[in-house]
Amino acid sequence: MISKWQKYVAIAFIILVGVLILTKLVYNYKAKQLVWENSDATSLANACLDDLGGLSVRFPMQSEVYCDCSTQALMAELSKADYLAIHSKGAAEQEEELLPIILDCHNTYQEAIYNASKLD
């Protein structure tokens, strides 16, 4: 025979599972609402140029090409929800997750900087 407390525990467990399922459904619905827009590309590219700091001043053409390349790579590889989740992490974790995606752009940028440098 089942005691009262076992019934209450079973009911609480069923309610908890129901709440978790509902939460996951709401999260998935909200995540689908987050889609990349044209303004996002501009914002990412501008943030990239700001992050480059002095390099974007010294090598403006190369920096702009790099930022456009990395922006397109990120937008093609990641959903906006995934990007925002990664962006909310620390710098080291961001680098670890984003660098493989933009590695070709980064390598091309480094080569372009090297070729544009004036080594007297």
PDB file of N, CA and C in Angstrom:
ATOM      1  N   MET A   1       0.831  -1.177   0.000  1.00  0.00           N
ATOM      2  CA  MET A   1       0.000   0.000   0.000  1.00  0.00           C
ATOM      3  C   MET A   1       0.882   1.249   0.000  1.00  0.00           C
ATOM      4  N   ILE A   2       0.476   2.247  -0.754  1.00  0.00           N
ATOM      5  CA  ILE A   2       1.239   3.479  -0.901  1.00  0.00           C
ATOM      6  C   ILE A   2       0.815   4.460   0.186  1.00  0.00           C
ATOM      7  N   SER A   3       1.818   5.040   0.842  1.00  0.00           N
ATOM      8  CA  SER A   3       1.511   5.998   1.904  1.00  0.00           C
ATOM      9  C   SER A   3       1.238   7.383   1.310  1.00  0.00           C
ATOM     10  N   LYS A   4       0.715   8.280   2.158  1.00  0.00           N
ATOM     11  CA  LYS A   4       0.364   9.626   1.713  1.00  0.00           C
ATOM     12  C   LYS A   4       1.587  10.397   1.228  1.00  0.00           C
ATOM     13  N   TRP A   5       2.681  10.326   1.935  1.00  0.00           N
ATOM     14  CA  TRP A   5       3.857  11.102   1.559  1.00  0.00           C
ATOM     15  C   TRP A   5       4.404  10.648   0.223  1.00  0.00           C
ATOM     16  N   GLN A   6       4.279   9.359  -0.123  1.00  0.00           N
ATOM     17  CA  GLN A   6       4.724   8.876  -1.433  1.00  0.00           C
ATOM     18  C   GLN A   6       3.852   9.468  -2.546  1.00  0.00           C
ATOM     19  N   LYS A   7       2.552   9.597  -2.284  1.00  0.00           N
ATOM     20  CA  LYS A   7       1.657  10.224  -3.266  1.00  0.00           C
ATOM     21  C   LYS A   7       2.052  11.679  -3.481  1.00  0.00           C
ATOM     22  N   TYR A   8       2.349  12.387  -2.377  1.00  0.00           N
ATOM     23  CA  TYR A   8       2.733  13.787  -2.486  1.00  0.00           C
ATOM     24  C   TYR A   8       4.060  13.960  -3.230  1.00  0.00           C
ATOM     25  N   VAL A   9       4.985  13.083  -2.975  1.00  0.00           N
ATOM     26  CA  VAL A   9       6.273  13.131  -3.666  1.00  0.00           C
ATOM     27  C   VAL A   9       6.072  12.855  -5.154  1.00  0.00           C
ATOM     28  N   ALA A  10       5.225  11.888  -5.482  1.00  0.00           N
ATOM     29  CA  ALA A  10       4.956  11.562  -6.888  1.00  0.00           C
ATOM     30  C   ALA A  10       4.280  12.738  -7.585  1.00  0.00           C
ATOM     31  N   ILE A  11       3.321  13.363  -6.933  1.00  0.00           N
ATOM     32  CA  ILE A  11       2.628  14.517  -7.513  1.00  0.00           C
ATOM     33  C   ILE A  11       3.602  15.679  -7.698  1.00  0.00           C
ATOM     34  N   ALA A  12       4.442  15.926  -6.698  1.00  0.00           N
ATOM     35  CA  ALA A  12       5.432  17.009  -6.803  1.00  0.00           C
ATOM     36  C   ALA A  12       6.404  16.739  -7.945  1.00  0.00           C
ATOM     37  N   PHE A  13       6.812  15.494  -8.105  1.00  0.00           N
ATOM     38  CA  PHE A  13       7.720  15.130  -9.194  1.00  0.00           C
ATOM     39  C   PHE A  13       7.067  15.363 -10.547  1.00  0.00           C
ATOM     40  N   ILE A  14       5.822  14.973 -10.695  1.00  0.00           N
ATOM     41  CA  ILE A  14       5.098  15.179 -11.959  1.00  0.00           C
ATOM     42  C   ILE A  14       4.952  16.669 -12.255  1.00  0.00           C
ATOM     43  N   ILE A  15       4.649  17.460 -11.242  1.00  0.00           N
ATOM     44  CA  ILE A  15       4.535  18.910 -11.431  1.00  0.00           C
ATOM     45  C   ILE A  15       5.879  19.498 -11.834  1.00  0.00           C
ATOM     46  N   LEU A  16       6.949  19.069 -11.199  1.00  0.00           N
ATOM     47  CA  LEU A  16       8.292  19.560 -11.527  1.00  0.00           C
ATOM     48  C   LEU A  16       8.663  19.235 -12.966  1.00  0.00           C
ATOM     49  N   VAL A  17       8.379  18.016 -13.395  1.00  0.00           N
ATOM     50  CA  VAL A  17       8.662  17.626 -14.780  1.00  0.00           C
ATOM     51  C   VAL A  17       7.835  18.482 -15.738  1.00  0.00           C
ATOM     52  N   GLY A  18       6.581  18.727 -15.394  1.00  0.00           N
ATOM     53  CA  GLY A  18       5.725  19.568 -16.231  1.00  0.00           C
ATOM     54  C   GLY A  18       6.259  20.990 -16.350  1.00  0.00           C
ATOM     55  N   VAL A  19       6.737  21.544 -15.250  1.00  0.00           N
ATOM     56  CA  VAL A  19       7.303  22.895 -15.258  1.00  0.00           C
ATOM     57  C   VAL A  19       8.569  22.933 -16.111  1.00  0.00           C
ATOM     58  N   LEU A  20       9.422  21.920 -15.979  1.00  0.00           N
ATOM     59  CA  LEU A  20      10.646  21.867 -16.785  1.00  0.00           C
ATOM     60  C   LEU A  20      10.335  21.757 -18.280  1.00  0.00           C
ATOM     61  N   ILE A  21       9.363  20.966 -18.636  1.00  0.00           N
ATOM     62  CA  ILE A  21       8.970  20.837 -20.045  1.00  0.00           C
ATOM     63  C   ILE A  21       8.432  22.164 -20.557  1.00  0.00           C
ATOM     64  N   LEU A  22       7.591  22.810 -19.789  1.00  0.00           N
ATOM     65  CA  LEU A  22       7.038  24.110 -20.184  1.00  0.00           C
ATOM     66  C   LEU A  22       8.140  25.148 -20.340  1.00  0.00           C
ATOM     67  N   THR A  23       9.108  25.158 -19.429  1.00  0.00           N
ATOM     68  CA  THR A  23      10.220  26.096 -19.504  1.00  0.00           C
ATOM     69  C   THR A  23      11.030  25.869 -20.776  1.00  0.00           C
ATOM     70  N   LYS A  24      11.290  24.621 -21.101  1.00  0.00           N
ATOM     71  CA  LYS A  24      12.056  24.299 -22.310  1.00  0.00           C
ATOM     72  C   LYS A  24      11.289  24.729 -23.570  1.00  0.00           C
ATOM     73  N   LEU A  25       9.993  24.529 -23.599  1.00  0.00           N
ATOM     74  CA  LEU A  25       9.193  24.953 -24.745  1.00  0.00           C
ATOM     75  C   LEU A  25       9.227  26.473 -24.918  1.00  0.00           C
ATOM     76  N   VAL A  26       9.114  27.206 -23.824  1.00  0.00           N
ATOM     77  CA  VAL A  26       9.169  28.670 -23.885  1.00  0.00           C
ATOM     78  C   VAL A  26      10.546  29.120 -24.350  1.00  0.00           C
ATOM     79  N   TYR A  27      11.602  28.496 -23.833  1.00  0.00           N
ATOM     80  CA  TYR A  27      12.965  28.843 -24.239  1.00  0.00           C
ATOM     81  C   TYR A  27      13.162  28.599 -25.736  1.00  0.00           C
ATOM     82  N   ASN A  28      12.716  27.453 -26.227  1.00  0.00           N
ATOM     83  CA  ASN A  28      12.858  27.151 -27.653  1.00  0.00           C
ATOM     84  C   ASN A  28      12.071  28.145 -28.510  1.00  0.00           C
ATOM     85  N   TYR A  29      10.892  28.528 -28.055  1.00  0.00           N
ATOM     86  CA  TYR A  29      10.097  29.502 -28.794  1.00  0.00           C
ATOM     87  C   TYR A  29      10.818  30.850 -28.851  1.00  0.00           C
ATOM     88  N   LYS A  30      11.351  31.291 -27.718  1.00  0.00           N
ATOM     89  CA  LYS A  30      12.072  32.567 -27.678  1.00  0.00           C
ATOM     90  C   LYS A  30      13.340  32.512 -28.527  1.00  0.00           C
ATOM     91  N   ALA A  31      14.031  31.376 -28.502  1.00  0.00           N
ATOM     92  CA  ALA A  31      15.265  31.239 -29.277  1.00  0.00           C
ATOM     93  C   ALA A  31      14.976  31.318 -30.777  1.00  0.00           C
ATOM     94  N   LYS A  32      13.838  30.800 -31.205  1.00  0.00           N
ATOM     95  CA  LYS A  32      13.486  30.867 -32.621  1.00  0.00           C
ATOM     96  C   LYS A  32      13.131  32.285 -33.043  1.00  0.00           C
ATOM     97  N   GLN A  33      12.718  33.104 -32.096  1.00  0.00           N
ATOM     98  CA  GLN A  33      12.390  34.494 -32.394  1.00  0.00           C
ATOM     99  C   GLN A  33      13.637  35.336 -32.632  1.00  0.00           C
ATOM    100  N   LEU A  34      14.780  34.877 -32.114  1.00  0.00           N
ATOM    101  CA  LEU A  34      16.032  35.600 -32.296  1.00  0.00           C
ATOM    102  C   LEU A  34      16.648  35.195 -33.626  1.00  0.00           C
ATOM    103  N   VAL A  35      16.582  36.075 -34.584  1.00  0.00           N
ATOM    104  CA  VAL A  35      17.183  35.817 -35.892  1.00  0.00           C
ATOM    105  C   VAL A  35      18.097  36.975 -36.246  1.00  0.00           C
ATOM    106  N   TRP A  36      19.109  36.674 -37.031  1.00  0.00           N
ATOM    107  CA  TRP A  36      20.047  37.707 -37.462  1.00  0.00           C
ATOM    108  C   TRP A  36      19.339  38.699 -38.379  1.00  0.00           C
ATOM    109  N   GLU A  37      19.637  39.960 -38.200  1.00  0.00           N
ATOM    110  CA  GLU A  37      19.109  41.019 -39.055  1.00  0.00           C
ATOM    111  C   GLU A  37      20.285  41.781 -39.653  1.00  0.00           C
ATOM    112  N   ASN A  38      20.017  42.588 -40.667  1.00  0.00           N
ATOM    113  CA  ASN A  38      21.080  43.355 -41.313  1.00  0.00           C
ATOM    114  C   ASN A  38      21.762  44.307 -40.332  1.00  0.00           C
ATOM    115  N   SER A  39      20.996  44.864 -39.425  1.00  0.00           N
ATOM    116  CA  SER A  39      21.583  45.781 -38.442  1.00  0.00           C
ATOM    117  C   SER A  39      22.544  45.042 -37.510  1.00  0.00           C
ATOM    118  N   ASP A  40      22.316  43.737 -37.305  1.00  0.00           N
ATOM    119  CA  ASP A  40      23.229  42.952 -36.469  1.00  0.00           C
ATOM    120  C   ASP A  40      24.603  42.842 -37.125  1.00  0.00           C
ATOM    121  N   ALA A  41      24.614  42.683 -38.432  1.00  0.00           N
ATOM    122  CA  ALA A  41      25.898  42.595 -39.147  1.00  0.00           C
ATOM    123  C   ALA A  41      26.681  43.886 -38.987  1.00  0.00           C
ATOM    124  N   THR A  42      26.006  45.007 -39.108  1.00  0.00           N
ATOM    125  CA  THR A  42      26.661  46.302 -38.946  1.00  0.00           C
ATOM    126  C   THR A  42      27.182  46.470 -37.519  1.00  0.00           C
ATOM    127  N   SER A  43      26.370  46.083 -36.549  1.00  0.00           N
ATOM    128  CA  SER A  43      26.777  46.199 -35.148  1.00  0.00           C
ATOM    129  C   SER A  43      27.987  45.319 -34.836  1.00  0.00           C
ATOM    130  N   LEU A  44      27.970  44.073 -35.339  1.00  0.00           N
ATOM    131  CA  LEU A  44      29.102  43.181 -35.110  1.00  0.00           C
ATOM    132  C   LEU A  44      30.374  43.708 -35.754  1.00  0.00           C
ATOM    133  N   ALA A  45      30.259  44.205 -36.980  1.00  0.00           N
ATOM    134  CA  ALA A  45      31.433  44.728 -37.684  1.00  0.00           C
ATOM    135  C   ALA A  45      31.989  45.958 -36.965  1.00  0.00           C
ATOM    136  N   ASN A  46      31.120  46.840 -36.506  1.00  0.00           N
ATOM    137  CA  ASN A  46      31.576  48.034 -35.783  1.00  0.00           C
ATOM    138  C   ASN A  46      32.214  47.662 -34.446  1.00  0.00           C
ATOM    139  N   ALA A  47      31.634  46.689 -33.751  1.00  0.00           N
ATOM    140  CA  ALA A  47      32.222  46.228 -32.488  1.00  0.00           C
ATOM    141  C   ALA A  47      33.587  45.607 -32.736  1.00  0.00           C
ATOM    142  N   CYS A  48      33.711  44.890 -33.829  1.00  0.00           N
ATOM    143  CA  CYS A  48      34.997  44.280 -34.197  1.00  0.00           C
ATOM    144  C   CYS A  48      36.044  45.362 -34.437  1.00  0.00           C
ATOM    145  N   LEU A  49      35.689  46.388 -35.185  1.00  0.00           N
ATOM    146  CA  LEU A  49      36.631  47.488 -35.445  1.00  0.00           C
ATOM    147  C   LEU A  49      37.019  48.192 -34.156  1.00  0.00           C
ATOM    148  N   ASP A  50      36.064  48.378 -33.262  1.00  0.00           N
ATOM    149  CA  ASP A  50      36.370  48.993 -31.964  1.00  0.00           C
ATOM    150  C   ASP A  50      37.320  48.119 -31.159  1.00  0.00           C
ATOM    151  N   ASP A  51      37.110  46.798 -31.212  1.00  0.00           N
ATOM    152  CA  ASP A  51      37.970  45.876 -30.466  1.00  0.00           C
ATOM    153  C   ASP A  51      39.396  45.850 -31.007  1.00  0.00           C
ATOM    154  N   LEU A  52      39.550  46.095 -32.292  1.00  0.00           N
ATOM    155  CA  LEU A  52      40.887  46.095 -32.890  1.00  0.00           C
ATOM    156  C   LEU A  52      41.706  47.308 -32.457  1.00  0.00           C
ATOM    157  N   GLY A  53      41.033  48.357 -32.055  1.00  0.00           N
ATOM    158  CA  GLY A  53      41.712  49.541 -31.536  1.00  0.00           C
ATOM    159  C   GLY A  53      42.649  50.175 -32.539  1.00  0.00           C
ATOM    160  N   GLY A  54      43.931  50.286 -32.182  1.00  0.00           N
ATOM    161  CA  GLY A  54      44.930  50.956 -33.012  1.00  0.00           C
ATOM    162  C   GLY A  54      45.169  50.265 -34.339  1.00  0.00           C
ATOM    163  N   LEU A  55      44.990  48.974 -34.387  1.00  0.00           N
ATOM    164  CA  LEU A  55      45.187  48.278 -35.668  1.00  0.00           C
ATOM    165  C   LEU A  55      44.182  48.737 -36.716  1.00  0.00           C
ATOM    166  N   SER A  56      42.964  49.053 -36.272  1.00  0.00           N
ATOM    167  CA  SER A  56      41.964  49.505 -37.246  1.00  0.00           C
ATOM    168  C   SER A  56      42.292  50.895 -37.784  1.00  0.00           C
ATOM    169  N   VAL A  57      43.081  51.651 -37.041  1.00  0.00           N
ATOM    170  CA  VAL A  57      43.516  52.971 -37.509  1.00  0.00           C
ATOM    171  C   VAL A  57      44.733  52.828 -38.420  1.00  0.00           C
ATOM    172  N   ARG A  58      45.647  51.985 -38.016  1.00  0.00           N
ATOM    173  CA  ARG A  58      46.878  51.817 -38.787  1.00  0.00           C
ATOM    174  C   ARG A  58      46.651  51.042 -40.089  1.00  0.00           C
ATOM    175  N   PHE A  59      45.739  50.067 -40.048  1.00  0.00           N
ATOM    176  CA  PHE A  59      45.437  49.237 -41.225  1.00  0.00           C
ATOM    177  C   PHE A  59      43.920  49.240 -41.474  1.00  0.00           C
ATOM    178  N   PRO A  60      43.375  50.371 -41.918  1.00  0.00           N
ATOM    179  CA  PRO A  60      41.913  50.479 -42.017  1.00  0.00           C
ATOM    180  C   PRO A  60      41.280  49.538 -43.046  1.00  0.00           C
ATOM    181  N   MET A  61      41.874  49.407 -44.208  1.00  0.00           N
ATOM    182  CA  MET A  61      41.287  48.545 -45.246  1.00  0.00           C
ATOM    183  C   MET A  61      41.321  47.080 -44.811  1.00  0.00           C
ATOM    184  N   GLN A  62      42.467  46.646 -44.310  1.00  0.00           N
ATOM    185  CA  GLN A  62      42.620  45.258 -43.886  1.00  0.00           C
ATOM    186  C   GLN A  62      41.693  44.945 -42.707  1.00  0.00           C
ATOM    187  N   SER A  63      41.558  45.898 -41.807  1.00  0.00           N
ATOM    188  CA  SER A  63      40.704  45.694 -40.636  1.00  0.00           C
ATOM    189  C   SER A  63      39.241  45.594 -41.038  1.00  0.00           C
ATOM    190  N   GLU A  64      38.841  46.424 -41.982  1.00  0.00           N
ATOM    191  CA  GLU A  64      37.450  46.382 -42.435  1.00  0.00           C
ATOM    192  C   GLU A  64      37.141  45.055 -43.123  1.00  0.00           C
ATOM    193  N   VAL A  65      38.062  44.577 -43.948  1.00  0.00           N
ATOM    194  CA  VAL A  65      37.872  43.289 -44.610  1.00  0.00           C
ATOM    195  C   VAL A  65      37.803  42.166 -43.572  1.00  0.00           C
ATOM    196  N   TYR A  66      38.692  42.224 -42.575  1.00  0.00           N
ATOM    197  CA  TYR A  66      38.703  41.205 -41.521  1.00  0.00           C
ATOM    198  C   TYR A  66      37.387  41.203 -40.750  1.00  0.00           C
ATOM    199  N   CYS A  67      36.918  42.373 -40.356  1.00  0.00           N
ATOM    200  CA  CYS A  67      35.686  42.452 -39.578  1.00  0.00           C
ATOM    201  C   CYS A  67      34.480  41.992 -40.385  1.00  0.00           C
ATOM    202  N   ASP A  68      34.435  42.328 -41.669  1.00  0.00           N
ATOM    203  CA  ASP A  68      33.354  41.841 -42.521  1.00  0.00           C
ATOM    204  C   ASP A  68      33.413  40.323 -42.652  1.00  0.00           C
ATOM    205  N   CYS A  69      34.601  39.790 -42.832  1.00  0.00           N
ATOM    206  CA  CYS A  69      34.777  38.343 -42.968  1.00  0.00           C
ATOM    207  C   CYS A  69      34.358  37.623 -41.692  1.00  0.00           C
ATOM    208  N   SER A  70      34.821  38.101 -40.560  1.00  0.00           N
ATOM    209  CA  SER A  70      34.496  37.428 -39.305  1.00  0.00           C
ATOM    210  C   SER A  70      33.011  37.559 -38.972  1.00  0.00           C
ATOM    211  N   THR A  71      32.422  38.692 -39.295  1.00  0.00           N
ATOM    212  CA  THR A  71      30.987  38.872 -39.070  1.00  0.00           C
ATOM    213  C   THR A  71      30.190  37.884 -39.896  1.00  0.00           C
ATOM    214  N   GLN A  72      30.532  37.766 -41.172  1.00  0.00           N
ATOM    215  CA  GLN A  72      29.818  36.817 -42.039  1.00  0.00           C
ATOM    216  C   GLN A  72      30.009  35.381 -41.576  1.00  0.00           C
ATOM    217  N   ALA A  73      31.206  35.044 -41.126  1.00  0.00           N
ATOM    218  CA  ALA A  73      31.469  33.684 -40.645  1.00  0.00           C
ATOM    219  C   ALA A  73      30.648  33.382 -39.391  1.00  0.00           C
ATOM    220  N   LEU A  74      30.599  34.328 -38.472  1.00  0.00           N
ATOM    221  CA  LEU A  74      29.825  34.125 -37.247  1.00  0.00           C
ATOM    222  C   LEU A  74      28.339  33.991 -37.536  1.00  0.00           C
ATOM    223  N   MET A  75      27.829  34.852 -38.407  1.00  0.00           N
ATOM    224  CA  MET A  75      26.410  34.812 -38.719  1.00  0.00           C
ATOM    225  C   MET A  75      26.033  33.552 -39.494  1.00  0.00           C
ATOM    226  N   ALA A  76      26.954  33.021 -40.279  1.00  0.00           N
ATOM    227  CA  ALA A  76      26.669  31.799 -41.032  1.00  0.00           C
ATOM    228  C   ALA A  76      26.750  30.564 -40.146  1.00  0.00           C
ATOM    229  N   GLU A  77      27.653  30.579 -39.194  1.00  0.00           N
ATOM    230  CA  GLU A  77      27.917  29.382 -38.375  1.00  0.00           C
ATOM    231  C   GLU A  77      27.017  29.286 -37.142  1.00  0.00           C
ATOM    232  N   LEU A  78      26.671  30.419 -36.542  1.00  0.00           N
ATOM    233  CA  LEU A  78      25.940  30.418 -35.277  1.00  0.00           C
ATOM    234  C   LEU A  78      24.568  31.061 -35.425  1.00  0.00           C
ATOM    235  N   SER A  79      23.624  30.571 -34.650  1.00  0.00           N
ATOM    236  CA  SER A  79      22.352  31.277 -34.551  1.00  0.00           C
ATOM    237  C   SER A  79      22.574  32.481 -33.639  1.00  0.00           C
ATOM    238  N   LYS A  80      21.680  33.425 -33.699  1.00  0.00           N
ATOM    239  CA  LYS A  80      21.832  34.620 -32.868  1.00  0.00           C
ATOM    240  C   LYS A  80      21.765  34.250 -31.387  1.00  0.00           C
ATOM    241  N   ALA A  81      20.901  33.302 -31.035  1.00  0.00           N
ATOM    242  CA  ALA A  81      20.786  32.870 -29.638  1.00  0.00           C
ATOM    243  C   ALA A  81      22.093  32.233 -29.166  1.00  0.00           C
ATOM    244  N   ASP A  82      22.702  31.396 -30.017  1.00  0.00           N
ATOM    245  CA  ASP A  82      23.976  30.772 -29.650  1.00  0.00           C
ATOM    246  C   ASP A  82      25.073  31.820 -29.494  1.00  0.00           C
ATOM    247  N   TYR A  83      25.110  32.787 -30.416  1.00  0.00           N
ATOM    248  CA  TYR A  83      26.119  33.847 -30.326  1.00  0.00           C
ATOM    249  C   TYR A  83      25.953  34.643 -29.036  1.00  0.00           C
ATOM    250  N   LEU A  84      24.724  34.998 -28.700  1.00  0.00           N
ATOM    251  CA  LEU A  84      24.491  35.771 -27.477  1.00  0.00           C
ATOM    252  C   LEU A  84      24.867  34.965 -26.236  1.00  0.00           C
ATOM    253  N   ALA A  85      24.641  33.656 -26.274  1.00  0.00           N
ATOM    254  CA  ALA A  85      25.031  32.802 -25.143  1.00  0.00           C
ATOM    255  C   ALA A  85      26.549  32.778 -24.999  1.00  0.00           C
ATOM    256  N   ILE A  86      27.262  32.675 -26.106  1.00  0.00           N
ATOM    257  CA  ILE A  86      28.723  32.678 -26.072  1.00  0.00           C
ATOM    258  C   ILE A  86      29.236  34.050 -25.640  1.00  0.00           C
ATOM    259  N   HIS A  87      28.597  35.101 -26.156  1.00  0.00           N
ATOM    260  CA  HIS A  87      29.026  36.473 -25.861  1.00  0.00           C
ATOM    261  C   HIS A  87      28.876  36.819 -24.376  1.00  0.00           C
ATOM    262  N   SER A  88      27.983  36.127 -23.690  1.00  0.00           N
ATOM    263  CA  SER A  88      27.777  36.407 -22.265  1.00  0.00           C
ATOM    264  C   SER A  88      28.833  35.743 -21.385  1.00  0.00           C
ATOM    265  N   LYS A  89      29.676  34.900 -21.975  1.00  0.00           N
ATOM    266  CA  LYS A  89      30.726  34.217 -21.215  1.00  0.00           C
ATOM    267  C   LYS A  89      31.957  35.107 -21.090  1.00  0.00           C
ATOM    268  N   GLY A  90      32.947  34.622 -20.382  1.00  0.00           N
ATOM    269  CA  GLY A  90      34.194  35.352 -20.201  1.00  0.00           C
ATOM    270  C   GLY A  90      35.003  35.396 -21.486  1.00  0.00           C
ATOM    271  N   ALA A  91      36.008  36.263 -21.504  1.00  0.00           N
ATOM    272  CA  ALA A  91      36.820  36.478 -22.704  1.00  0.00           C
ATOM    273  C   ALA A  91      37.533  35.204 -23.160  1.00  0.00           C
ATOM    274  N   ALA A  92      38.083  34.452 -22.221  1.00  0.00           N
ATOM    275  CA  ALA A  92      38.816  33.234 -22.586  1.00  0.00           C
ATOM    276  C   ALA A  92      37.885  32.193 -23.195  1.00  0.00           C
ATOM    277  N   GLU A  93      36.693  32.049 -22.636  1.00  0.00           N
ATOM    278  CA  GLU A  93      35.730  31.095 -23.171  1.00  0.00           C
ATOM    279  C   GLU A  93      35.229  31.533 -24.545  1.00  0.00           C
ATOM    280  N   GLN A  94      35.021  32.848 -24.708  1.00  0.00           N
ATOM    281  CA  GLN A  94      34.599  33.364 -26.013  1.00  0.00           C
ATOM    282  C   GLN A  94      35.655  33.052 -27.061  1.00  0.00           C
ATOM    283  N   GLU A  95      36.901  33.322 -26.728  1.00  0.00           N
ATOM    284  CA  GLU A  95      37.985  33.079 -27.676  1.00  0.00           C
ATOM    285  C   GLU A  95      38.059  31.602 -28.058  1.00  0.00           C
ATOM    286  N   GLU A  96      37.901  30.743 -27.076  1.00  0.00           N
ATOM    287  CA  GLU A  96      37.979  29.304 -27.312  1.00  0.00           C
ATOM    288  C   GLU A  96      36.875  28.827 -28.257  1.00  0.00           C
ATOM    289  N   GLU A  97      35.690  29.399 -28.139  1.00  0.00           N
ATOM    290  CA  GLU A  97      34.562  28.956 -28.951  1.00  0.00           C
ATOM    291  C   GLU A  97      34.474  29.673 -30.298  1.00  0.00           C
ATOM    292  N   LEU A  98      34.894  30.946 -30.347  1.00  0.00           N
ATOM    293  CA  LEU A  98      34.729  31.719 -31.577  1.00  0.00           C
ATOM    294  C   LEU A  98      35.930  31.635 -32.517  1.00  0.00           C
ATOM    295  N   LEU A  99      37.126  31.443 -31.983  1.00  0.00           N
ATOM    296  CA  LEU A  99      38.319  31.437 -32.827  1.00  0.00           C
ATOM    297  C   LEU A  99      38.280  30.371 -33.924  1.00  0.00           C
ATOM    298  N   PRO A 100      37.831  29.151 -33.643  1.00  0.00           N
ATOM    299  CA  PRO A 100      37.765  28.179 -34.745  1.00  0.00           C
ATOM    300  C   PRO A 100      36.842  28.625 -35.888  1.00  0.00           C
ATOM    301  N   ILE A 101      35.840  29.398 -35.563  1.00  0.00           N
ATOM    302  CA  ILE A 101      34.894  29.855 -36.590  1.00  0.00           C
ATOM    303  C   ILE A 101      35.518  30.935 -37.468  1.00  0.00           C
ATOM    304  N   ILE A 102      36.300  31.825 -36.872  1.00  0.00           N
ATOM    305  CA  ILE A 102      36.862  32.954 -37.620  1.00  0.00           C
ATOM    306  C   ILE A 102      38.349  32.771 -37.918  1.00  0.00           C
ATOM    307  N   LEU A 103      38.860  31.570 -37.766  1.00  0.00           N
ATOM    308  CA  LEU A 103      40.298  31.330 -37.908  1.00  0.00           C
ATOM    309  C   LEU A 103      40.824  31.713 -39.289  1.00  0.00           C
ATOM    310  N   ASP A 104      40.093  31.353 -40.347  1.00  0.00           N
ATOM    311  CA  ASP A 104      40.549  31.714 -41.701  1.00  0.00           C
ATOM    312  C   ASP A 104      40.619  33.228 -41.872  1.00  0.00           C
ATOM    313  N   CYS A 105      39.614  33.926 -41.361  1.00  0.00           N
ATOM    314  CA  CYS A 105      39.606  35.395 -41.439  1.00  0.00           C
ATOM    315  C   CYS A 105      40.784  35.968 -40.660  1.00  0.00           C
ATOM    316  N   HIS A 106      41.039  35.417 -39.491  1.00  0.00           N
ATOM    317  CA  HIS A 106      42.132  35.897 -38.638  1.00  0.00           C
ATOM    318  C   HIS A 106      43.485  35.686 -39.315  1.00  0.00           C
ATOM    319  N   ASN A 107      43.682  34.510 -39.888  1.00  0.00           N
ATOM    320  CA  ASN A 107      44.955  34.228 -40.555  1.00  0.00           C
ATOM    321  C   ASN A 107      45.164  35.142 -41.762  1.00  0.00           C
ATOM    322  N   THR A 108      44.113  35.371 -42.531  1.00  0.00           N
ATOM    323  CA  THR A 108      44.192  36.271 -43.681  1.00  0.00           C
ATOM    324  C   THR A 108      44.502  37.690 -43.221  1.00  0.00           C
ATOM    325  N   TYR A 109      43.905  38.106 -42.122  1.00  0.00           N
ATOM    326  CA  TYR A 109      44.141  39.440 -41.566  1.00  0.00           C
ATOM    327  C   TYR A 109      45.593  39.592 -41.123  1.00  0.00           C
ATOM    328  N   GLN A 110      46.114  38.593 -40.445  1.00  0.00           N
ATOM    329  CA  GLN A 110      47.508  38.656 -40.000  1.00  0.00           C
ATOM    330  C   GLN A 110      48.465  38.753 -41.190  1.00  0.00           C
ATOM    331  N   GLU A 111      48.162  38.013 -42.231  1.00  0.00           N
ATOM    332  CA  GLU A 111      48.999  38.070 -43.435  1.00  0.00           C
ATOM    333  C   GLU A 111      48.898  39.443 -44.100  1.00  0.00           C
ATOM    334  N   ALA A 112      47.686  39.986 -44.155  1.00  0.00           N
ATOM    335  CA  ALA A 112      47.489  41.301 -44.775  1.00  0.00           C
ATOM    336  C   ALA A 112      48.214  42.392 -43.983  1.00  0.00           C
ATOM    337  N   ILE A 113      48.185  42.299 -42.680  1.00  0.00           N
ATOM    338  CA  ILE A 113      48.902  43.271 -41.841  1.00  0.00           C
ATOM    339  C   ILE A 113      50.400  43.154 -42.088  1.00  0.00           C
ATOM    340  N   TYR A 114      50.878  41.939 -42.133  1.00  0.00           N
ATOM    341  CA  TYR A 114      52.313  41.720 -42.363  1.00  0.00           C
ATOM    342  C   TYR A 114      52.729  42.304 -43.712  1.00  0.00           C
ATOM    343  N   ASN A 115      51.939  42.055 -44.752  1.00  0.00           N
ATOM    344  CA  ASN A 115      52.257  42.557 -46.075  1.00  0.00           C
ATOM    345  C   ASN A 115      52.150  44.076 -46.158  1.00  0.00           C
ATOM    346  N   ALA A 116      51.268  44.679 -45.369  1.00  0.00           N
ATOM    347  CA  ALA A 116      51.100  46.137 -45.416  1.00  0.00           C
ATOM    348  C   ALA A 116      52.077  46.858 -44.496  1.00  0.00           C
ATOM    349  N   SER A 117      52.733  46.133 -43.620  1.00  0.00           N
ATOM    350  CA  SER A 117      53.689  46.770 -42.701  1.00  0.00           C
ATOM    351  C   SER A 117      54.910  47.257 -43.456  1.00  0.00           C
ATOM    352  N   LYS A 118      55.384  48.394 -43.015  1.00  0.00           N
ATOM    353  CA  LYS A 118      56.601  48.955 -43.614  1.00  0.00           C
ATOM    354  C   LYS A 118      57.755  48.648 -42.679  1.00  0.00           C
ATOM    355  N   LEU A 119      58.507  47.657 -43.043  1.00  0.00           N
ATOM    356  CA  LEU A 119      59.644  47.274 -42.243  1.00  0.00           C
ATOM    357  C   LEU A 119      60.872  47.917 -42.838  1.00  0.00           C
ATOM    358  N   ASP A 120      61.250  49.029 -42.311  1.00  0.00           N
ATOM    359  CA  ASP A 120      62.387  49.768 -42.844  1.00  0.00           C
ATOM    360  C   ASP A 120      63.693  49.205 -42.353  1.00  0.00           C
TER     361      ASP A 120
END
